[in-house]
Amino acid sequence: MCDNALDRADAAEEKVRQMTDKLERIEEELRDTQKKMMQTENDLDKAQEDLAVANTNLEEKEKKVQEVNFFLAN
């Protein structure tokens, strides 16, 4: 009986070690994924800022073209 209980205890301890290892791997993967998500969010913010600047520049150029066209038409 004692050997059987010891075997079950050893098996349970091994299972705990395996689950702990798996949990650590999953937590590491989660941290990596969170880092990637933060980088993607930063990239998105930068792209949105660049787009806003490009749109502003485009609007300014379009106004200049309209002014030149108005001047040439008169």
PDB file of N, CA and C in Angstrom:
ATOM      1  N   MET A   1       0.807  -1.198   0.000  1.00  0.00           N
ATOM      2  CA  MET A   1       0.000   0.000   0.000  1.00  0.00           C
ATOM      3  C   MET A   1       0.849   1.260   0.000  1.00  0.00           C
ATOM      4  N   CYS A   2       1.917   1.280   0.783  1.00  0.00           N
ATOM      5  CA  CYS A   2       2.770   2.460   0.873  1.00  0.00           C
ATOM      6  C   CYS A   2       3.421   2.765  -0.461  1.00  0.00           C
ATOM      7  N   ASP A   3       3.887   1.713  -1.137  1.00  0.00           N
ATOM      8  CA  ASP A   3       4.529   1.925  -2.436  1.00  0.00           C
ATOM      9  C   ASP A   3       3.550   2.538  -3.428  1.00  0.00           C
ATOM     10  N   ASN A   4       2.325   2.063  -3.415  1.00  0.00           N
ATOM     11  CA  ASN A   4       1.305   2.590  -4.315  1.00  0.00           C
ATOM     12  C   ASN A   4       1.033   4.063  -4.012  1.00  0.00           C
ATOM     13  N   ALA A   5       0.958   4.411  -2.758  1.00  0.00           N
ATOM     14  CA  ALA A   5       0.723   5.801  -2.371  1.00  0.00           C
ATOM     15  C   ALA A   5       1.907   6.667  -2.771  1.00  0.00           C
ATOM     16  N   LEU A   6       3.124   6.157  -2.590  1.00  0.00           N
ATOM     17  CA  LEU A   6       4.320   6.900  -2.982  1.00  0.00           C
ATOM     18  C   LEU A   6       4.367   7.086  -4.494  1.00  0.00           C
ATOM     19  N   ASP A   7       4.012   6.032  -5.215  1.00  0.00           N
ATOM     20  CA  ASP A   7       3.988   6.139  -6.681  1.00  0.00           C
ATOM     21  C   ASP A   7       2.980   7.194  -7.131  1.00  0.00           C
ATOM     22  N   ARG A   8       1.817   7.194  -6.494  1.00  0.00           N
ATOM     23  CA  ARG A   8       0.797   8.189  -6.841  1.00  0.00           C
ATOM     24  C   ARG A   8       1.259   9.593  -6.470  1.00  0.00           C
ATOM     25  N   ALA A   9       1.936   9.720  -5.342  1.00  0.00           N
ATOM     26  CA  ALA A   9       2.451  11.029  -4.930  1.00  0.00           C
ATOM     27  C   ALA A   9       3.514  11.503  -5.912  1.00  0.00           C
ATOM     28  N   ASP A  10       4.413  10.584  -6.315  1.00  0.00           N
ATOM     29  CA  ASP A  10       5.439  10.936  -7.300  1.00  0.00           C
ATOM     30  C   ASP A  10       4.798  11.352  -8.620  1.00  0.00           C
ATOM     31  N   ALA A  11       3.792  10.602  -9.044  1.00  0.00           N
ATOM     32  CA  ALA A  11       3.104  10.920 -10.295  1.00  0.00           C
ATOM     33  C   ALA A  11       2.421  12.285 -10.185  1.00  0.00           C
ATOM     34  N   ALA A  12       1.824  12.557  -9.038  1.00  0.00           N
ATOM     35  CA  ALA A  12       1.157  13.845  -8.841  1.00  0.00           C
ATOM     36  C   ALA A  12       2.176  14.979  -8.852  1.00  0.00           C
ATOM     37  N   GLU A  13       3.321  14.778  -8.207  1.00  0.00           N
ATOM     38  CA  GLU A  13       4.373  15.797  -8.206  1.00  0.00           C
ATOM     39  C   GLU A  13       4.890  16.048  -9.617  1.00  0.00           C
ATOM     40  N   GLU A  14       5.055  14.985 -10.386  1.00  0.00           N
ATOM     41  CA  GLU A  14       5.512  15.132 -11.772  1.00  0.00           C
ATOM     42  C   GLU A  14       4.476  15.906 -12.584  1.00  0.00           C
ATOM     43  N   LYS A  15       3.213  15.592 -12.360  1.00  0.00           N
ATOM     44  CA  LYS A  15       2.141  16.300 -13.065  1.00  0.00           C
ATOM     45  C   LYS A  15       2.158  17.787 -12.696  1.00  0.00           C
ATOM     46  N   VAL A  16       2.386  18.090 -11.419  1.00  0.00           N
ATOM     47  CA  VAL A  16       2.469  19.486 -10.979  1.00  0.00           C
ATOM     48  C   VAL A  16       3.641  20.171 -11.661  1.00  0.00           C
ATOM     49  N   ARG A  17       4.792  19.504 -11.738  1.00  0.00           N
ATOM     50  CA  ARG A  17       5.962  20.083 -12.414  1.00  0.00           C
ATOM     51  C   ARG A  17       5.658  20.350 -13.883  1.00  0.00           C
ATOM     52  N   GLN A  18       5.020  19.389 -14.534  1.00  0.00           N
ATOM     53  CA  GLN A  18       4.679  19.563 -15.946  1.00  0.00           C
ATOM     54  C   GLN A  18       3.719  20.741 -16.141  1.00  0.00           C
ATOM     55  N   MET A  19       2.725  20.823 -15.281  1.00  0.00           N
ATOM     56  CA  MET A  19       1.748  21.909 -15.397  1.00  0.00           C
ATOM     57  C   MET A  19       2.399  23.254 -15.085  1.00  0.00           C
ATOM     58  N   THR A  20       3.320  23.265 -14.125  1.00  0.00           N
ATOM     59  CA  THR A  20       4.030  24.499 -13.794  1.00  0.00           C
ATOM     60  C   THR A  20       4.881  24.946 -14.974  1.00  0.00           C
ATOM     61  N   ASP A  21       5.577  24.000 -15.601  1.00  0.00           N
ATOM     62  CA  ASP A  21       6.378  24.323 -16.786  1.00  0.00           C
ATOM     63  C   ASP A  21       5.493  24.861 -17.908  1.00  0.00           C
ATOM     64  N   LYS A  22       4.365  24.209 -18.115  1.00  0.00           N
ATOM     65  CA  LYS A  22       3.442  24.647 -19.166  1.00  0.00           C
ATOM     66  C   LYS A  22       2.923  26.053 -18.863  1.00  0.00           C
ATOM     67  N   LEU A  23       2.580  26.303 -17.610  1.00  0.00           N
ATOM     68  CA  LEU A  23       2.100  27.622 -17.205  1.00  0.00           C
ATOM     69  C   LEU A  23       3.167  28.682 -17.454  1.00  0.00           C
ATOM     70  N   GLU A  24       4.412  28.381 -17.118  1.00  0.00           N
ATOM     71  CA  GLU A  24       5.499  29.336 -17.342  1.00  0.00           C
ATOM     72  C   GLU A  24       5.673  29.637 -18.827  1.00  0.00           C
ATOM     73  N   ARG A  25       5.576  28.599 -19.669  1.00  0.00           N
ATOM     74  CA  ARG A  25       5.689  28.816 -21.119  1.00  0.00           C
ATOM     75  C   ARG A  25       4.537  29.682 -21.633  1.00  0.00           C
ATOM     76  N   ILE A  26       3.346  29.416 -21.141  1.00  0.00           N
ATOM     77  CA  ILE A  26       2.182  30.193 -21.575  1.00  0.00           C
ATOM     78  C   ILE A  26       2.303  31.640 -21.109  1.00  0.00           C
ATOM     79  N   GLU A  27       2.772  31.840 -19.880  1.00  0.00           N
ATOM     80  CA  GLU A  27       2.950  33.206 -19.377  1.00  0.00           C
ATOM     81  C   GLU A  27       4.000  33.952 -20.198  1.00  0.00           C
ATOM     82  N   GLU A  28       5.076  33.258 -20.574  1.00  0.00           N
ATOM     83  CA  GLU A  28       6.105  33.887 -21.411  1.00  0.00           C
ATOM     84  C   GLU A  28       5.536  34.240 -22.780  1.00  0.00           C
ATOM     85  N   GLU A  29       4.759  33.333 -23.344  1.00  0.00           N
ATOM     86  CA  GLU A  29       4.124  33.602 -24.637  1.00  0.00           C
ATOM     87  C   GLU A  29       3.174  34.795 -24.527  1.00  0.00           C
ATOM     88  N   LEU A  30       2.456  34.879 -23.421  1.00  0.00           N
ATOM     89  CA  LEU A  30       1.549  36.005 -23.196  1.00  0.00           C
ATOM     90  C   LEU A  30       2.328  37.311 -23.123  1.00  0.00           C
ATOM     91  N   ARG A  31       3.442  37.321 -22.399  1.00  0.00           N
ATOM     92  CA  ARG A  31       4.268  38.535 -22.316  1.00  0.00           C
ATOM     93  C   ARG A  31       4.775  38.934 -23.694  1.00  0.00           C
ATOM     94  N   ASP A  32       5.236  37.953 -24.467  1.00  0.00           N
ATOM     95  CA  ASP A  32       5.714  38.248 -25.823  1.00  0.00           C
ATOM     96  C   ASP A  32       4.590  38.825 -26.685  1.00  0.00           C
ATOM     97  N   THR A  33       3.416  38.242 -26.573  1.00  0.00           N
ATOM     98  CA  THR A  33       2.271  38.718 -27.347  1.00  0.00           C
ATOM     99  C   THR A  33       1.882  40.135 -26.924  1.00  0.00           C
ATOM    100  N   GLN A  34       1.937  40.410 -25.628  1.00  0.00           N
ATOM    101  CA  GLN A  34       1.621  41.757 -25.149  1.00  0.00           C
ATOM    102  C   GLN A  34       2.640  42.768 -25.671  1.00  0.00           C
ATOM    103  N   LYS A  35       3.913  42.387 -25.701  1.00  0.00           N
ATOM    104  CA  LYS A  35       4.944  43.279 -26.246  1.00  0.00           C
ATOM    105  C   LYS A  35       4.682  43.560 -27.720  1.00  0.00           C
ATOM    106  N   LYS A  36       4.344  42.512 -28.472  1.00  0.00           N
ATOM    107  CA  LYS A  36       4.049  42.689 -29.896  1.00  0.00           C
ATOM    108  C   LYS A  36       2.827  43.584 -30.082  1.00  0.00           C
ATOM    109  N   MET A  37       1.824  43.404 -29.231  1.00  0.00           N
ATOM    110  CA  MET A  37       0.621  44.224 -29.324  1.00  0.00           C
ATOM    111  C   MET A  37       0.953  45.689 -29.044  1.00  0.00           C
ATOM    112  N   MET A  38       1.773  45.945 -28.039  1.00  0.00           N
ATOM    113  CA  MET A  38       2.163  47.323 -27.733  1.00  0.00           C
ATOM    114  C   MET A  38       2.930  47.936 -28.902  1.00  0.00           C
ATOM    115  N   GLN A  39       3.819  47.156 -29.514  1.00  0.00           N
ATOM    116  CA  GLN A  39       4.579  47.664 -30.656  1.00  0.00           C
ATOM    117  C   GLN A  39       3.650  47.955 -31.831  1.00  0.00           C
ATOM    118  N   THR A  40       2.691  47.072 -32.049  1.00  0.00           N
ATOM    119  CA  THR A  40       1.725  47.280 -33.126  1.00  0.00           C
ATOM    120  C   THR A  40       0.890  48.535 -32.865  1.00  0.00           C
ATOM    121  N   GLU A  41       0.484  48.737 -31.612  1.00  0.00           N
ATOM    122  CA  GLU A  41      -0.267  49.949 -31.270  1.00  0.00           C
ATOM    123  C   GLU A  41       0.587  51.195 -31.500  1.00  0.00           C
ATOM    124  N   ASN A  42       1.863  51.131 -31.137  1.00  0.00           N
ATOM    125  CA  ASN A  42       2.765  52.264 -31.372  1.00  0.00           C
ATOM    126  C   ASN A  42       2.925  52.526 -32.869  1.00  0.00           C
ATOM    127  N   ASP A  43       3.065  51.444 -33.644  1.00  0.00           N
ATOM    128  CA  ASP A  43       3.181  51.586 -35.098  1.00  0.00           C
ATOM    129  C   ASP A  43       1.917  52.219 -35.681  1.00  0.00           C
ATOM    130  N   LEU A  44       0.761  51.799 -35.170  1.00  0.00           N
ATOM    131  CA  LEU A  44      -0.508  52.364 -35.633  1.00  0.00           C
ATOM    132  C   LEU A  44      -0.584  53.851 -35.304  1.00  0.00           C
ATOM    133  N   ASP A  45      -0.211  54.217 -34.081  1.00  0.00           N
ATOM    134  CA  ASP A  45      -0.221  55.636 -33.699  1.00  0.00           C
ATOM    135  C   ASP A  45       0.668  56.449 -34.629  1.00  0.00           C
ATOM    136  N   LYS A  46       1.853  55.942 -34.912  1.00  0.00           N
ATOM    137  CA  LYS A  46       2.797  56.640 -35.795  1.00  0.00           C
ATOM    138  C   LYS A  46       2.200  56.772 -37.196  1.00  0.00           C
ATOM    139  N   ALA A  47       1.617  55.700 -37.704  1.00  0.00           N
ATOM    140  CA  ALA A  47       1.020  55.737 -39.041  1.00  0.00           C
ATOM    141  C   ALA A  47      -0.128  56.744 -39.095  1.00  0.00           C
ATOM    142  N   GLN A  48      -0.935  56.809 -38.040  1.00  0.00           N
ATOM    143  CA  GLN A  48      -2.042  57.768 -38.011  1.00  0.00           C
ATOM    144  C   GLN A  48      -1.516  59.201 -37.968  1.00  0.00           C
ATOM    145  N   GLU A  49      -0.450  59.420 -37.207  1.00  0.00           N
ATOM    146  CA  GLU A  49       0.157  60.756 -37.167  1.00  0.00           C
ATOM    147  C   GLU A  49       0.715  61.132 -38.539  1.00  0.00           C
ATOM    148  N   ASP A  50       1.408  60.187 -39.175  1.00  0.00           N
ATOM    149  CA  ASP A  50       1.961  60.443 -40.509  1.00  0.00           C
ATOM    150  C   ASP A  50       0.852  60.734 -41.513  1.00  0.00           C
ATOM    151  N   LEU A  51      -0.247  59.999 -41.414  1.00  0.00           N
ATOM    152  CA  LEU A  51      -1.383  60.221 -42.311  1.00  0.00           C
ATOM    153  C   LEU A  51      -1.982  61.606 -42.097  1.00  0.00           C
ATOM    154  N   ALA A  52      -2.109  62.017 -40.850  1.00  0.00           N
ATOM    155  CA  ALA A  52      -2.660  63.344 -40.560  1.00  0.00           C
ATOM    156  C   ALA A  52      -1.769  64.431 -41.155  1.00  0.00           C
ATOM    157  N   VAL A  53      -0.460  64.277 -41.023  1.00  0.00           N
ATOM    158  CA  VAL A  53       0.477  65.250 -41.595  1.00  0.00           C
ATOM    159  C   VAL A  53       0.357  65.253 -43.117  1.00  0.00           C
ATOM    160  N   ALA A  54       0.300  64.067 -43.716  1.00  0.00           N
ATOM    161  CA  ALA A  54       0.189  63.973 -45.173  1.00  0.00           C
ATOM    162  C   ALA A  54      -1.111  64.610 -45.661  1.00  0.00           C
ATOM    163  N   ASN A  55      -2.202  64.389 -44.940  1.00  0.00           N
ATOM    164  CA  ASN A  55      -3.482  64.997 -45.324  1.00  0.00           C
ATOM    165  C   ASN A  55      -3.426  66.515 -45.224  1.00  0.00           C
ATOM    166  N   THR A  56      -2.796  67.016 -44.172  1.00  0.00           N
ATOM    167  CA  THR A  56      -2.645  68.470 -44.021  1.00  0.00           C
ATOM    168  C   THR A  56      -1.827  69.041 -45.167  1.00  0.00           C
ATOM    169  N   ASN A  57      -0.724  68.381 -45.485  1.00  0.00           N
ATOM    170  CA  ASN A  57       0.118  68.832 -46.604  1.00  0.00           C
ATOM    171  C   ASN A  57      -0.650  68.801 -47.919  1.00  0.00           C
ATOM    172  N   LEU A  58      -1.426  67.755 -48.126  1.00  0.00           N
ATOM    173  CA  LEU A  58      -2.220  67.640 -49.345  1.00  0.00           C
ATOM    174  C   LEU A  58      -3.235  68.778 -49.439  1.00  0.00           C
ATOM    175  N   GLU A  59      -3.900  69.071 -48.335  1.00  0.00           N
ATOM    176  CA  GLU A  59      -4.876  70.165 -48.340  1.00  0.00           C
ATOM    177  C   GLU A  59      -4.207  71.492 -48.681  1.00  0.00           C
ATOM    178  N   GLU A  60      -3.022  71.724 -48.122  1.00  0.00           N
ATOM    179  CA  GLU A  60      -2.294  72.963 -48.422  1.00  0.00           C
ATOM    180  C   GLU A  60      -1.920  73.037 -49.902  1.00  0.00           C
ATOM    181  N   LYS A  61      -1.476  71.926 -50.459  1.00  0.00           N
ATOM    182  CA  LYS A  61      -1.102  71.895 -51.885  1.00  0.00           C
ATOM    183  C   LYS A  61      -2.329  72.119 -52.758  1.00  0.00           C
ATOM    184  N   GLU A  62      -3.462  71.501 -52.381  1.00  0.00           N
ATOM    185  CA  GLU A  62      -4.686  71.680 -53.157  1.00  0.00           C
ATOM    186  C   GLU A  62      -5.139  73.137 -53.136  1.00  0.00           C
ATOM    187  N   LYS A  63      -5.000  73.808 -51.993  1.00  0.00           N
ATOM    188  CA  LYS A  63      -5.354  75.229 -51.910  1.00  0.00           C
ATOM    189  C   LYS A  63      -4.462  76.052 -52.825  1.00  0.00           C
ATOM    190  N   LYS A  64      -3.176  75.736 -52.851  1.00  0.00           N
ATOM    191  CA  LYS A  64      -2.251  76.466 -53.724  1.00  0.00           C
ATOM    192  C   LYS A  64      -2.606  76.250 -55.188  1.00  0.00           C
ATOM    193  N   VAL A  65      -2.960  75.027 -55.544  1.00  0.00           N
ATOM    194  CA  VAL A  65      -3.352  74.736 -56.925  1.00  0.00           C
ATOM    195  C   VAL A  65      -4.602  75.533 -57.281  1.00  0.00           C
ATOM    196  N   GLN A  66      -5.569  75.580 -56.374  1.00  0.00           N
ATOM    197  CA  GLN A  66      -6.786  76.357 -56.630  1.00  0.00           C
ATOM    198  C   GLN A  66      -6.465  77.840 -56.800  1.00  0.00           C
ATOM    199  N   GLU A  67      -5.553  78.352 -55.972  1.00  0.00           N
ATOM    200  CA  GLU A  67      -5.163  79.764 -56.088  1.00  0.00           C
ATOM    201  C   GLU A  67      -4.503  80.037 -57.433  1.00  0.00           C
ATOM    202  N   VAL A  68      -3.618  79.133 -57.849  1.00  0.00           N
ATOM    203  CA  VAL A  68      -2.940  79.306 -59.138  1.00  0.00           C
ATOM    204  C   VAL A  68      -3.953  79.220 -60.271  1.00  0.00           C
ATOM    205  N   ASN A  69      -4.851  78.261 -60.214  1.00  0.00           N
ATOM    206  CA  ASN A  69      -5.881  78.124 -61.249  1.00  0.00           C
ATOM    207  C   ASN A  69      -6.773  79.361 -61.299  1.00  0.00           C
ATOM    208  N   PHE A  70      -7.124  79.900 -60.142  1.00  0.00           N
ATOM    209  CA  PHE A  70      -7.935  81.115 -60.100  1.00  0.00           C
ATOM    210  C   PHE A  70      -7.170  82.282 -60.725  1.00  0.00           C
ATOM    211  N   PHE A  71      -5.895  82.393 -60.397  1.00  0.00           N
ATOM    212  CA  PHE A  71      -5.058  83.463 -60.944  1.00  0.00           C
ATOM    213  C   PHE A  71      -4.934  83.337 -62.460  1.00  0.00           C
ATOM    214  N   LEU A  72      -4.729  82.112 -62.944  1.00  0.00           N
ATOM    215  CA  LEU A  72      -4.571  81.889 -64.384  1.00  0.00           C
ATOM    216  C   LEU A  72      -5.883  82.112 -65.133  1.00  0.00           C
ATOM    217  N   ALA A  73      -6.995  81.854 -64.487  1.00  0.00           N
ATOM    218  CA  ALA A  73      -8.297  82.023 -65.136  1.00  0.00           C
ATOM    219  C   ALA A  73      -8.664  83.494 -65.275  1.00  0.00           C
ATOM    220  N   ASN A  74      -8.078  84.347 -64.464  1.00  0.00           N
ATOM    221  CA  ASN A  74      -8.426  85.781 -64.510  1.00  0.00           C
ATOM    222  C   ASN A  74      -7.417  86.590 -65.232  1.00  0.00           C
TER     223      ASN A  74
END
